[in-house]
Amino acid sequence: MDGFLALDADQRVDPDAGDSATYAITAGNDGDVFSIDSATGEIRVNAALGTGPYALGVEAEDSGALTDTGTITIQIQAGAPASITLEA
């Protein structure tokens, strides 16, 4: 399964209206199976996946240097859509 996992980065909450954010995977990306678009937060699958689960630590940093982290858990099951859970 190669491709994109669409996450809604617009759901982030920033007290400084109008700030942009950059995103990074900070944990759980053994073998660089995933990559993240630093501007949009979109996660790309770079290699074939097993059933997982995969727990990725992700950090968002706004232009004022405020940061927040969360965990994205991705579960793949044969014959079913990918399940994605976000935890702050």
N, C-alpha and C. Protein backbone atom coordinates (compact mmCIF):
# COMPACT_ATOMS: atom_id res chain seq x y z
N MET A 1 0.85 -1.17 0.00
CA MET A 1 0.00 0.00 0.00
C MET A 1 0.89 1.23 0.00
N ASP A 2 1.09 1.83 -1.15
CA ASP A 2 1.82 3.08 -1.25
C ASP A 2 0.79 4.18 -1.52
N GLY A 3 1.02 5.38 -1.04
CA GLY A 3 0.12 6.47 -1.32
C GLY A 3 0.05 7.47 -0.20
N PHE A 4 -1.04 8.20 -0.17
CA PHE A 4 -1.21 9.26 0.80
C PHE A 4 -2.24 8.90 1.85
N LEU A 5 -2.02 9.35 3.07
CA LEU A 5 -3.02 9.31 4.12
C LEU A 5 -3.45 10.74 4.35
N ALA A 6 -4.68 11.05 4.08
CA ALA A 6 -5.14 12.43 4.19
C ALA A 6 -5.53 12.75 5.62
N LEU A 7 -4.86 13.71 6.20
CA LEU A 7 -5.18 14.20 7.53
C LEU A 7 -5.57 15.66 7.41
N ASP A 8 -6.52 16.08 8.19
CA ASP A 8 -7.00 17.45 8.11
C ASP A 8 -6.18 18.35 9.02
N ALA A 9 -5.10 18.91 8.49
CA ALA A 9 -4.24 19.79 9.28
C ALA A 9 -4.95 21.09 9.64
N ASP A 10 -6.05 21.41 8.96
CA ASP A 10 -6.79 22.63 9.28
C ASP A 10 -7.51 22.52 10.62
N GLN A 11 -7.55 21.34 11.22
CA GLN A 11 -8.19 21.17 12.52
C GLN A 11 -7.29 21.61 13.67
N ARG A 12 -6.05 21.97 13.37
CA ARG A 12 -5.17 22.42 14.45
C ARG A 12 -5.71 23.71 15.04
N VAL A 13 -5.42 23.93 16.31
CA VAL A 13 -5.88 25.13 17.00
C VAL A 13 -4.65 25.95 17.35
N ASP A 14 -4.62 27.21 16.93
CA ASP A 14 -3.49 28.09 17.19
C ASP A 14 -4.04 29.40 17.72
N PRO A 15 -3.59 29.82 18.91
CA PRO A 15 -4.10 31.08 19.47
C PRO A 15 -3.67 32.31 18.67
N ASP A 16 -2.65 32.18 17.84
CA ASP A 16 -2.20 33.29 17.01
C ASP A 16 -2.81 33.13 15.62
N ALA A 17 -3.94 33.77 15.39
CA ALA A 17 -4.64 33.64 14.12
C ALA A 17 -3.72 34.03 12.97
N GLY A 18 -3.79 33.26 11.90
CA GLY A 18 -3.02 33.57 10.71
C GLY A 18 -1.64 32.94 10.66
N ASP A 19 -1.21 32.30 11.74
CA ASP A 19 0.10 31.63 11.73
C ASP A 19 0.07 30.42 10.80
N SER A 20 1.19 30.18 10.18
CA SER A 20 1.34 28.94 9.43
C SER A 20 2.08 27.94 10.32
N ALA A 21 2.02 26.68 9.95
CA ALA A 21 2.67 25.65 10.76
C ALA A 21 3.55 24.78 9.88
N THR A 22 4.56 24.18 10.49
CA THR A 22 5.35 23.15 9.83
C THR A 22 5.20 21.87 10.64
N TYR A 23 5.29 20.75 9.96
CA TYR A 23 5.03 19.46 10.57
C TYR A 23 6.24 18.54 10.40
N ALA A 24 6.46 17.67 11.38
CA ALA A 24 7.55 16.70 11.33
C ALA A 24 7.15 15.43 12.04
N ILE A 25 7.60 14.29 11.51
CA ILE A 25 7.46 13.01 12.21
C ILE A 25 8.64 12.91 13.16
N THR A 26 8.36 12.72 14.44
CA THR A 26 9.43 12.72 15.45
C THR A 26 9.67 11.35 16.07
N ALA A 27 8.80 10.38 15.84
CA ALA A 27 8.98 9.06 16.45
C ALA A 27 8.17 8.02 15.68
N GLY A 28 8.60 6.77 15.78
CA GLY A 28 7.83 5.65 15.26
C GLY A 28 7.97 5.38 13.78
N ASN A 29 8.88 6.07 13.11
CA ASN A 29 9.00 5.93 11.66
C ASN A 29 10.19 5.04 11.30
N ASP A 30 10.18 3.82 11.85
CA ASP A 30 11.27 2.89 11.59
C ASP A 30 11.37 2.59 10.10
N GLY A 31 12.57 2.67 9.57
CA GLY A 31 12.79 2.39 8.16
C GLY A 31 12.28 3.46 7.23
N ASP A 32 11.92 4.62 7.75
CA ASP A 32 11.40 5.72 6.93
C ASP A 32 10.27 5.27 6.01
N VAL A 33 9.36 4.46 6.56
CA VAL A 33 8.22 3.98 5.80
C VAL A 33 7.27 5.13 5.47
N PHE A 34 7.22 6.14 6.34
CA PHE A 34 6.33 7.28 6.14
C PHE A 34 7.16 8.55 5.95
N SER A 35 6.58 9.51 5.25
CA SER A 35 7.14 10.86 5.18
C SER A 35 5.99 11.83 5.36
N ILE A 36 6.32 13.06 5.75
CA ILE A 36 5.28 14.06 5.98
C ILE A 36 5.62 15.32 5.20
N ASP A 37 4.63 15.92 4.59
CA ASP A 37 4.82 17.20 3.92
C ASP A 37 4.90 18.25 5.02
N SER A 38 6.03 18.90 5.15
CA SER A 38 6.23 19.83 6.27
C SER A 38 5.29 21.02 6.22
N ALA A 39 4.75 21.35 5.06
CA ALA A 39 3.86 22.51 4.95
C ALA A 39 2.39 22.15 5.18
N THR A 40 1.98 20.94 4.76
CA THR A 40 0.56 20.59 4.83
C THR A 40 0.24 19.57 5.92
N GLY A 41 1.25 18.82 6.37
CA GLY A 41 1.01 17.77 7.34
C GLY A 41 0.53 16.47 6.71
N GLU A 42 0.45 16.43 5.38
CA GLU A 42 0.00 15.22 4.70
C GLU A 42 1.07 14.14 4.83
N ILE A 43 0.63 12.96 5.22
CA ILE A 43 1.56 11.84 5.43
C ILE A 43 1.53 10.93 4.21
N ARG A 44 2.73 10.58 3.73
CA ARG A 44 2.86 9.70 2.57
C ARG A 44 3.42 8.36 3.03
N VAL A 45 2.87 7.29 2.44
CA VAL A 45 3.36 5.94 2.67
C VAL A 45 4.40 5.66 1.58
N ASN A 46 5.64 5.39 1.99
CA ASN A 46 6.74 5.23 1.05
C ASN A 46 7.05 3.79 0.68
N ALA A 47 6.47 2.83 1.38
CA ALA A 47 6.79 1.42 1.15
C ALA A 47 5.58 0.57 1.51
N ALA A 48 5.65 -0.68 1.12
CA ALA A 48 4.56 -1.61 1.45
C ALA A 48 4.43 -1.74 2.97
N LEU A 49 3.20 -1.79 3.44
CA LEU A 49 2.93 -1.89 4.87
C LEU A 49 2.36 -3.24 5.23
N GLY A 50 2.67 -3.69 6.45
CA GLY A 50 1.98 -4.84 7.02
C GLY A 50 0.70 -4.34 7.67
N THR A 51 0.15 -5.12 8.56
CA THR A 51 -1.10 -4.72 9.19
C THR A 51 -0.91 -3.72 10.32
N GLY A 52 0.31 -3.52 10.78
CA GLY A 52 0.53 -2.53 11.83
C GLY A 52 0.11 -3.06 13.19
N PRO A 53 -0.21 -2.23 14.13
CA PRO A 53 -0.41 -0.79 13.97
C PRO A 53 0.91 -0.03 13.90
N TYR A 54 0.83 1.17 13.37
CA TYR A 54 1.95 2.09 13.29
C TYR A 54 1.58 3.31 14.12
N ALA A 55 2.42 3.66 15.07
CA ALA A 55 2.18 4.84 15.91
C ALA A 55 3.27 5.86 15.60
N LEU A 56 2.87 6.98 15.01
CA LEU A 56 3.81 8.02 14.63
C LEU A 56 3.69 9.21 15.57
N GLY A 57 4.80 9.65 16.11
CA GLY A 57 4.83 10.91 16.85
C GLY A 57 4.96 12.03 15.84
N VAL A 58 4.10 13.02 15.93
CA VAL A 58 4.11 14.15 15.00
C VAL A 58 4.16 15.44 15.80
N GLU A 59 4.98 16.39 15.31
CA GLU A 59 5.08 17.70 15.94
C GLU A 59 4.66 18.77 14.94
N ALA A 60 3.90 19.74 15.43
CA ALA A 60 3.54 20.92 14.64
C ALA A 60 4.18 22.13 15.32
N GLU A 61 4.80 22.99 14.52
CA GLU A 61 5.40 24.22 15.04
C GLU A 61 4.89 25.39 14.22
N ASP A 62 4.38 26.43 14.91
CA ASP A 62 3.87 27.58 14.17
C ASP A 62 4.99 28.60 13.97
N SER A 63 4.68 29.65 13.22
CA SER A 63 5.71 30.64 12.88
C SER A 63 6.18 31.43 14.09
N GLY A 64 5.46 31.35 15.21
CA GLY A 64 5.88 32.00 16.45
C GLY A 64 6.68 31.07 17.34
N ALA A 65 7.08 29.90 16.82
CA ALA A 65 7.88 28.89 17.51
C ALA A 65 7.12 28.17 18.63
N LEU A 66 5.78 28.23 18.62
CA LEU A 66 4.99 27.41 19.54
C LEU A 66 4.86 26.02 18.94
N THR A 67 5.00 25.00 19.78
CA THR A 67 4.93 23.63 19.27
C THR A 67 3.88 22.82 20.03
N ASP A 68 3.43 21.77 19.37
CA ASP A 68 2.55 20.79 20.00
C ASP A 68 2.87 19.46 19.36
N THR A 69 2.65 18.40 20.12
CA THR A 69 2.91 17.06 19.60
C THR A 69 1.67 16.20 19.76
N GLY A 70 1.62 15.16 18.99
CA GLY A 70 0.53 14.20 19.08
C GLY A 70 0.97 12.88 18.52
N THR A 71 0.12 11.88 18.66
CA THR A 71 0.40 10.56 18.12
C THR A 71 -0.67 10.22 17.10
N ILE A 72 -0.23 9.75 15.94
CA ILE A 72 -1.13 9.28 14.90
C ILE A 72 -0.95 7.77 14.84
N THR A 73 -2.03 7.03 15.08
CA THR A 73 -1.97 5.58 15.02
C THR A 73 -2.67 5.12 13.75
N ILE A 74 -1.97 4.33 12.96
CA ILE A 74 -2.48 3.84 11.69
C ILE A 74 -2.59 2.32 11.78
N GLN A 75 -3.79 1.81 11.55
CA GLN A 75 -4.03 0.37 11.58
C GLN A 75 -4.51 -0.07 10.21
N ILE A 76 -3.85 -1.03 9.62
CA ILE A 76 -4.20 -1.56 8.30
C ILE A 76 -4.74 -2.98 8.50
N GLN A 77 -5.90 -3.26 7.91
CA GLN A 77 -6.47 -4.61 7.95
C GLN A 77 -6.78 -5.03 6.53
N ALA A 78 -6.43 -6.23 6.17
CA ALA A 78 -6.68 -6.73 4.83
C ALA A 78 -8.16 -6.61 4.48
N GLY A 79 -8.43 -6.04 3.33
CA GLY A 79 -9.80 -5.92 2.85
C GLY A 79 -10.62 -4.81 3.49
N ALA A 80 -9.99 -3.97 4.32
CA ALA A 80 -10.71 -2.89 4.98
C ALA A 80 -9.96 -1.57 4.80
N PRO A 81 -10.67 -0.44 4.84
CA PRO A 81 -9.98 0.85 4.75
C PRO A 81 -9.04 1.03 5.94
N ALA A 82 -7.99 1.82 5.73
CA ALA A 82 -7.06 2.12 6.82
C ALA A 82 -7.80 2.87 7.93
N SER A 83 -7.47 2.54 9.16
CA SER A 83 -8.04 3.21 10.32
C SER A 83 -6.97 4.15 10.88
N ILE A 84 -7.32 5.42 11.05
CA ILE A 84 -6.36 6.41 11.54
C ILE A 84 -6.94 7.05 12.80
N THR A 85 -6.15 7.07 13.86
CA THR A 85 -6.56 7.68 15.13
C THR A 85 -5.58 8.77 15.49
N LEU A 86 -6.09 9.93 15.85
CA LEU A 86 -5.24 11.05 16.26
C LEU A 86 -5.38 11.27 17.74
N GLU A 87 -4.26 11.41 18.44
CA GLU A 87 -4.26 11.70 19.87
C GLU A 87 -3.32 12.86 20.14
N ALA A 88 -3.80 13.84 20.88
CA ALA A 88 -2.95 14.98 21.23
C ALA A 88 -2.14 14.68 22.45
